[in-house]
Amino acid sequence: MLYYHDNFFNMKPKGVWGAIGKPPKTQAMNDYLMIGTVLKPQGVRGECKIRSWAADISLFDTWSELYVGTPHGFQPVSLQVIRIQDDFVFARLNGSASADDAEKYRGVELYIDRAHAAPEEEGSNLIADLLGCVARDEDGNEIGVLIDVLQYGTVDTWVFKTKTGSLMAPALLSVFPKVDIVKRAIQVAREKLEEVAVRS
């Protein structure tokens, strides 16, 4: 398995908060990991269709409580998974029993708290922890700040904000030999980076 393909949760904001509202900026976002977005009600029995951002969608079967963002912070919401099908989760939230009940969750982002998230595997990191890390080469020259992680293929792509624009590169051990989450630092092999980087 390639380096960092096992990131567990995509924390990239999707820009839709729904009627419930957006959590305050003063609350530590990294205490909660975004693992899904409610797309729409499904049927008339209160089910919601949820797009999973978890690397392992089967984790939803292990959770009975998630969180939603409100103007007053993150609030718990009960989760009853009905089925997982075609990479989507169909579930009832807070005992929703009708399409009207489910409608209020349309567009809402769902979170899991770190205490109940899946443990990190050796050699992997949560995307929430990677974002904001500063990449530097062997001579200490700053490459950029990690602002996004794209997960469209077998290897994640890291997106950096640089002084002149943006830079994208595959998250490979040969390119990024070391990540120090505590120091918020990513070590870069400059020669390898130049071989694979795409700048804009």
C-alpha atoms as a PDB file:
ATOM      1  CA  MET A   1       0.000   0.000   0.000  1.00  0.00           C
ATOM      2  CA  LEU A   2       1.389   3.409  -0.926  1.00  0.00           C
ATOM      3  CA  TYR A   3       2.426   6.006   1.584  1.00  0.00           C
ATOM      4  CA  TYR A   4      -0.424   7.912   3.258  1.00  0.00           C
ATOM      5  CA  HIS A   5      -3.141   6.252   1.232  1.00  0.00           C
ATOM      6  CA  ASP A   6      -4.600   5.195   4.585  1.00  0.00           C
ATOM      7  CA  ASN A   7      -5.673   8.655   5.717  1.00  0.00           C
ATOM      8  CA  PHE A   8      -8.885   7.996   7.583  1.00  0.00           C
ATOM      9  CA  PHE A   9     -10.970  11.122   7.219  1.00  0.00           C
ATOM     10  CA  ASN A  10     -11.216  13.894   4.697  1.00  0.00           C
ATOM     11  CA  MET A  11     -11.563  17.177   6.565  1.00  0.00           C
ATOM     12  CA  LYS A  12     -11.904  19.338   3.482  1.00  0.00           C
ATOM     13  CA  PRO A  13     -14.850  21.707   4.032  1.00  0.00           C
ATOM     14  CA  LYS A  14     -17.593  21.297   1.459  1.00  0.00           C
ATOM     15  CA  GLY A  15     -19.170  24.712   1.974  1.00  0.00           C
ATOM     16  CA  VAL A  16     -22.643  23.406   2.890  1.00  0.00           C
ATOM     17  CA  TRP A  17     -23.850  23.502   6.468  1.00  0.00           C
ATOM     18  CA  GLY A  18     -27.615  23.216   6.034  1.00  0.00           C
ATOM     19  CA  ALA A  19     -30.247  24.653   8.349  1.00  0.00           C
ATOM     20  CA  ILE A  20     -28.492  23.500  11.497  1.00  0.00           C
ATOM     21  CA  GLY A  21     -25.751  26.084  11.058  1.00  0.00           C
ATOM     22  CA  LYS A  22     -21.984  26.363  11.188  1.00  0.00           C
ATOM     23  CA  PRO A  23     -19.929  25.631  14.330  1.00  0.00           C
ATOM     24  CA  PRO A  24     -18.110  28.575  15.912  1.00  0.00           C
ATOM     25  CA  LYS A  25     -14.509  29.156  14.865  1.00  0.00           C
ATOM     26  CA  THR A  26     -13.512  29.276  18.530  1.00  0.00           C
ATOM     27  CA  GLN A  27     -14.107  25.538  18.969  1.00  0.00           C
ATOM     28  CA  ALA A  28     -11.173  23.270  18.087  1.00  0.00           C
ATOM     29  CA  MET A  29     -12.191  21.756  14.750  1.00  0.00           C
ATOM     30  CA  ASN A  30      -9.529  19.082  14.975  1.00  0.00           C
ATOM     31  CA  ASP A  31     -11.275  17.564  17.988  1.00  0.00           C
ATOM     32  CA  TYR A  32     -13.940  16.459  15.521  1.00  0.00           C
ATOM     33  CA  LEU A  33     -13.282  14.737  12.213  1.00  0.00           C
ATOM     34  CA  MET A  34     -15.707  15.170   9.324  1.00  0.00           C
ATOM     35  CA  ILE A  35     -16.796  11.766   8.083  1.00  0.00           C
ATOM     36  CA  GLY A  36     -19.857  12.428   5.966  1.00  0.00           C
ATOM     37  CA  THR A  37     -22.303  14.832   4.343  1.00  0.00           C
ATOM     38  CA  VAL A  38     -26.059  14.315   4.252  1.00  0.00           C
ATOM     39  CA  LEU A  39     -27.118  14.564   0.618  1.00  0.00           C
ATOM     40  CA  LYS A  40     -30.911  14.288   0.854  1.00  0.00           C
ATOM     41  CA  PRO A  41     -33.832  12.414   2.429  1.00  0.00           C
ATOM     42  CA  GLN A  42     -34.284   8.897   1.057  1.00  0.00           C
ATOM     43  CA  GLY A  43     -37.850   7.637   0.895  1.00  0.00           C
ATOM     44  CA  VAL A  44     -40.637   8.484   3.347  1.00  0.00           C
ATOM     45  CA  ARG A  45     -39.455   6.674   6.473  1.00  0.00           C
ATOM     46  CA  GLY A  46     -36.908   9.184   7.704  1.00  0.00           C
ATOM     47  CA  GLU A  47     -33.800   7.797   6.062  1.00  0.00           C
ATOM     48  CA  CYS A  48     -30.982  10.095   4.958  1.00  0.00           C
ATOM     49  CA  LYS A  49     -28.581   9.395   2.118  1.00  0.00           C
ATOM     50  CA  ILE A  50     -25.066  10.145   3.350  1.00  0.00           C
ATOM     51  CA  ARG A  51     -21.888  10.509   1.340  1.00  0.00           C
ATOM     52  CA  SER A  52     -19.033   9.019   3.347  1.00  0.00           C
ATOM     53  CA  TRP A  53     -15.661  10.770   3.620  1.00  0.00           C
ATOM     54  CA  ALA A  54     -14.224   7.936   5.713  1.00  0.00           C
ATOM     55  CA  ALA A  55     -11.570   5.777   4.076  1.00  0.00           C
ATOM     56  CA  ASP A  56     -13.457   2.724   5.390  1.00  0.00           C
ATOM     57  CA  ILE A  57     -17.202   3.190   4.960  1.00  0.00           C
ATOM     58  CA  SER A  58     -17.898   0.113   7.105  1.00  0.00           C
ATOM     59  CA  LEU A  59     -16.912   2.169  10.155  1.00  0.00           C
ATOM     60  CA  PHE A  60     -20.394   3.672  10.068  1.00  0.00           C
ATOM     61  CA  ASP A  61     -21.719   0.324  11.281  1.00  0.00           C
ATOM     62  CA  THR A  62     -19.656   0.721  14.464  1.00  0.00           C
ATOM     63  CA  TRP A  63     -20.958   4.195  15.368  1.00  0.00           C
ATOM     64  CA  SER A  64     -24.230   4.966  17.139  1.00  0.00           C
ATOM     65  CA  GLU A  65     -23.559   8.654  17.706  1.00  0.00           C
ATOM     66  CA  LEU A  66     -22.098  11.375  15.513  1.00  0.00           C
ATOM     67  CA  TYR A  67     -21.945  15.172  15.789  1.00  0.00           C
ATOM     68  CA  VAL A  68     -23.258  18.100  13.798  1.00  0.00           C
ATOM     69  CA  GLY A  69     -21.993  21.666  13.854  1.00  0.00           C
ATOM     70  CA  THR A  70     -24.259  24.336  15.317  1.00  0.00           C
ATOM     71  CA  PRO A  71     -23.690  27.998  16.228  1.00  0.00           C
ATOM     72  CA  HIS A  72     -23.278  26.746  19.805  1.00  0.00           C
ATOM     73  CA  GLY A  73     -20.698  24.076  19.061  1.00  0.00           C
ATOM     74  CA  PHE A  74     -20.798  20.427  18.082  1.00  0.00           C
ATOM     75  CA  GLN A  75     -23.962  18.646  19.198  1.00  0.00           C
ATOM     76  CA  PRO A  76     -24.489  14.858  19.319  1.00  0.00           C
ATOM     77  CA  VAL A  77     -26.919  13.168  16.958  1.00  0.00           C
ATOM     78  CA  SER A  78     -27.895   9.512  17.144  1.00  0.00           C
ATOM     79  CA  LEU A  79     -27.124   7.331  14.140  1.00  0.00           C
ATOM     80  CA  GLN A  80     -29.079   4.263  13.034  1.00  0.00           C
ATOM     81  CA  VAL A  81     -27.534   2.750   9.932  1.00  0.00           C
ATOM     82  CA  ILE A  82     -30.109   1.018   7.752  1.00  0.00           C
ATOM     83  CA  ARG A  83     -27.763  -0.136   5.012  1.00  0.00           C
ATOM     84  CA  ILE A  84     -24.568   0.678   3.154  1.00  0.00           C
ATOM     85  CA  GLN A  85     -24.944   0.526  -0.599  1.00  0.00           C
ATOM     86  CA  ASP A  86     -22.965   1.784  -3.616  1.00  0.00           C
ATOM     87  CA  ASP A  87     -20.536   3.755  -1.432  1.00  0.00           C
ATOM     88  CA  PHE A  88     -23.373   5.563   0.346  1.00  0.00           C
ATOM     89  CA  VAL A  89     -24.740   5.217   3.878  1.00  0.00           C
ATOM     90  CA  PHE A  90     -28.500   5.171   4.404  1.00  0.00           C
ATOM     91  CA  ALA A  91     -29.372   5.985   8.008  1.00  0.00           C
ATOM     92  CA  ARG A  92     -31.786   7.666  10.396  1.00  0.00           C
ATOM     93  CA  LEU A  93     -30.491  10.616  12.409  1.00  0.00           C
ATOM     94  CA  ASN A  94     -31.952  11.376  15.841  1.00  0.00           C
ATOM     95  CA  GLY A  95     -34.711   8.869  15.211  1.00  0.00           C
ATOM     96  CA  SER A  96     -36.040  10.648  12.138  1.00  0.00           C
ATOM     97  CA  ALA A  97     -39.288   8.944  11.138  1.00  0.00           C
ATOM     98  CA  SER A  98     -40.467  10.884   8.094  1.00  0.00           C
ATOM     99  CA  ALA A  99     -39.142  12.631   5.020  1.00  0.00           C
ATOM    100  CA  ASP A 100     -39.791  15.960   6.755  1.00  0.00           C
ATOM    101  CA  ASP A 101     -37.660  14.868   9.714  1.00  0.00           C
ATOM    102  CA  ALA A 102     -34.848  13.861   7.385  1.00  0.00           C
ATOM    103  CA  GLU A 103     -35.125  17.029   5.280  1.00  0.00           C
ATOM    104  CA  LYS A 104     -33.726  19.230   8.057  1.00  0.00           C
ATOM    105  CA  TYR A 105     -30.404  17.377   7.760  1.00  0.00           C
ATOM    106  CA  ARG A 106     -29.992  18.010   4.039  1.00  0.00           C
ATOM    107  CA  GLY A 107     -26.483  19.394   3.408  1.00  0.00           C
ATOM    108  CA  VAL A 108     -25.379  18.886   7.015  1.00  0.00           C
ATOM    109  CA  GLU A 109     -21.840  17.676   7.635  1.00  0.00           C
ATOM    110  CA  LEU A 110     -21.393  14.820  10.093  1.00  0.00           C
ATOM    111  CA  TYR A 111     -18.447  14.466  12.461  1.00  0.00           C
ATOM    112  CA  ILE A 112     -16.947  11.863  14.780  1.00  0.00           C
ATOM    113  CA  ASP A 113     -14.980  12.843  17.846  1.00  0.00           C
ATOM    114  CA  ARG A 114     -11.374  11.694  18.050  1.00  0.00           C
ATOM    115  CA  ALA A 115     -12.033   9.478  21.049  1.00  0.00           C
ATOM    116  CA  HIS A 116     -14.293   7.245  18.972  1.00  0.00           C
ATOM    117  CA  ALA A 117     -12.501   7.463  15.637  1.00  0.00           C
ATOM    118  CA  ALA A 118     -10.659   4.466  14.251  1.00  0.00           C
ATOM    119  CA  PRO A 119      -7.050   4.236  15.484  1.00  0.00           C
ATOM    120  CA  GLU A 120      -4.397   5.369  13.055  1.00  0.00           C
ATOM    121  CA  GLU A 121      -2.379   2.657  11.400  1.00  0.00           C
ATOM    122  CA  GLU A 122       1.391   2.819  11.548  1.00  0.00           C
ATOM    123  CA  GLY A 123       2.736   5.093   8.825  1.00  0.00           C
ATOM    124  CA  SER A 124      -0.559   6.904   8.287  1.00  0.00           C
ATOM    125  CA  ASN A 125      -1.957  10.226   9.450  1.00  0.00           C
ATOM    126  CA  LEU A 126      -5.341  11.847   9.660  1.00  0.00           C
ATOM    127  CA  ILE A 127      -5.859  14.433   6.955  1.00  0.00           C
ATOM    128  CA  ALA A 128      -7.080  16.787   9.679  1.00  0.00           C
ATOM    129  CA  ASP A 129      -3.598  16.649  11.192  1.00  0.00           C
ATOM    130  CA  LEU A 130      -1.772  17.027   7.886  1.00  0.00           C
ATOM    131  CA  LEU A 131      -3.507  20.195   6.750  1.00  0.00           C
ATOM    132  CA  GLY A 132      -1.507  23.278   7.658  1.00  0.00           C
ATOM    133  CA  CYS A 133       1.845  21.480   7.853  1.00  0.00           C
ATOM    134  CA  VAL A 134       4.761  23.315   6.258  1.00  0.00           C
ATOM    135  CA  ALA A 135       6.848  21.467   3.666  1.00  0.00           C
ATOM    136  CA  ARG A 136      10.606  22.145   3.486  1.00  0.00           C
ATOM    137  CA  ASP A 137      13.403  20.604   1.453  1.00  0.00           C
ATOM    138  CA  GLU A 138      16.708  19.198   2.728  1.00  0.00           C
ATOM    139  CA  ASP A 139      18.217  22.699   2.950  1.00  0.00           C
ATOM    140  CA  GLY A 140      15.338  24.110   4.942  1.00  0.00           C
ATOM    141  CA  ASN A 141      13.805  26.011   2.038  1.00  0.00           C
ATOM    142  CA  GLU A 142      10.052  26.321   2.349  1.00  0.00           C
ATOM    143  CA  ILE A 143       8.073  24.603  -0.395  1.00  0.00           C
ATOM    144  CA  GLY A 144       4.626  25.566   0.802  1.00  0.00           C
ATOM    145  CA  VAL A 145       1.777  24.866   3.214  1.00  0.00           C
ATOM    146  CA  LEU A 146      -0.428  21.803   2.749  1.00  0.00           C
ATOM    147  CA  ILE A 147      -3.964  23.036   2.091  1.00  0.00           C
ATOM    148  CA  ASP A 148      -5.749  20.035   0.609  1.00  0.00           C
ATOM    149  CA  VAL A 149      -5.556  16.284   0.090  1.00  0.00           C
ATOM    150  CA  LEU A 150      -7.178  14.882  -3.053  1.00  0.00           C
ATOM    151  CA  GLN A 151      -8.268  11.236  -2.982  1.00  0.00           C
ATOM    152  CA  TYR A 152      -9.251  10.419  -6.528  1.00  0.00           C
ATOM    153  CA  GLY A 153      -6.970   7.471  -7.300  1.00  0.00           C
ATOM    154  CA  THR A 154      -4.791   4.829  -5.700  1.00  0.00           C
ATOM    155  CA  VAL A 155      -2.386   7.495  -4.415  1.00  0.00           C
ATOM    156  CA  ASP A 156      -3.427  10.650  -2.596  1.00  0.00           C
ATOM    157  CA  THR A 157      -2.372  13.967  -4.075  1.00  0.00           C
ATOM    158  CA  TRP A 158      -1.159  16.717  -1.762  1.00  0.00           C
ATOM    159  CA  VAL A 159      -1.893  20.322  -2.653  1.00  0.00           C
ATOM    160  CA  PHE A 160       0.381  23.051  -1.308  1.00  0.00           C
ATOM    161  CA  LYS A 161      -0.024  26.809  -1.256  1.00  0.00           C
ATOM    162  CA  THR A 162       3.281  28.312  -2.320  1.00  0.00           C
ATOM    163  CA  LYS A 163       4.602  31.870  -2.535  1.00  0.00           C
ATOM    164  CA  THR A 164       3.913  31.907  -6.270  1.00  0.00           C
ATOM    165  CA  GLY A 165       0.725  29.856  -6.552  1.00  0.00           C
ATOM    166  CA  SER A 166       0.008  26.191  -5.888  1.00  0.00           C
ATOM    167  CA  LEU A 167       1.832  22.881  -6.200  1.00  0.00           C
ATOM    168  CA  MET A 168       0.457  19.350  -6.402  1.00  0.00           C
ATOM    169  CA  ALA A 169       2.389  16.117  -5.879  1.00  0.00           C
ATOM    170  CA  PRO A 170       1.585  12.464  -5.134  1.00  0.00           C
ATOM    171  CA  ALA A 171       1.909  11.534  -1.471  1.00  0.00           C
ATOM    172  CA  LEU A 172       4.777   9.080  -1.879  1.00  0.00           C
ATOM    173  CA  LEU A 173       7.451   8.172   0.637  1.00  0.00           C
ATOM    174  CA  SER A 174      10.139   8.882  -1.950  1.00  0.00           C
ATOM    175  CA  VAL A 175       8.868  12.473  -2.262  1.00  0.00           C
ATOM    176  CA  PHE A 176       7.881  13.115   1.351  1.00  0.00           C
ATOM    177  CA  PRO A 177      10.155  10.901   3.469  1.00  0.00           C
ATOM    178  CA  LYS A 178       9.075  12.259   6.849  1.00  0.00           C
ATOM    179  CA  VAL A 179       6.083  13.965   8.437  1.00  0.00           C
ATOM    180  CA  ASP A 180       6.185  15.389  11.958  1.00  0.00           C
ATOM    181  CA  ILE A 181       2.651  16.217  13.033  1.00  0.00           C
ATOM    182  CA  VAL A 182       3.791  17.670  16.365  1.00  0.00           C
ATOM    183  CA  LYS A 183       6.174  20.111  14.668  1.00  0.00           C
ATOM    184  CA  ARG A 184       3.706  20.654  11.795  1.00  0.00           C
ATOM    185  CA  ALA A 185       6.497  19.834   9.344  1.00  0.00           C
ATOM    186  CA  ILE A 186       6.810  17.805   6.136  1.00  0.00           C
ATOM    187  CA  GLN A 187      10.261  16.840   4.858  1.00  0.00           C
ATOM    188  CA  VAL A 188      10.608  17.008   1.077  1.00  0.00           C
ATOM    189  CA  ALA A 189      13.089  15.281  -1.229  1.00  0.00           C
ATOM    190  CA  ARG A 190      13.608  18.197  -3.623  1.00  0.00           C
ATOM    191  CA  GLU A 191      14.932  16.165  -6.560  1.00  0.00           C
ATOM    192  CA  LYS A 192      12.056  13.697  -6.402  1.00  0.00           C
ATOM    193  CA  LEU A 193       9.543  16.495  -5.987  1.00  0.00           C
ATOM    194  CA  GLU A 194      10.723  18.204  -9.177  1.00  0.00           C
ATOM    195  CA  GLU A 195      10.131  14.978 -11.078  1.00  0.00           C
ATOM    196  CA  VAL A 196       6.450  14.709 -10.163  1.00  0.00           C
ATOM    197  CA  ALA A 197       5.223  18.183  -9.125  1.00  0.00           C
ATOM    198  CA  VAL A 198       2.562  20.086 -11.033  1.00  0.00           C
ATOM    199  CA  ARG A 199       2.568  23.856 -10.502  1.00  0.00           C
ATOM    200  CA  SER A 200      -0.064  26.439 -11.251  1.00  0.00           C
END
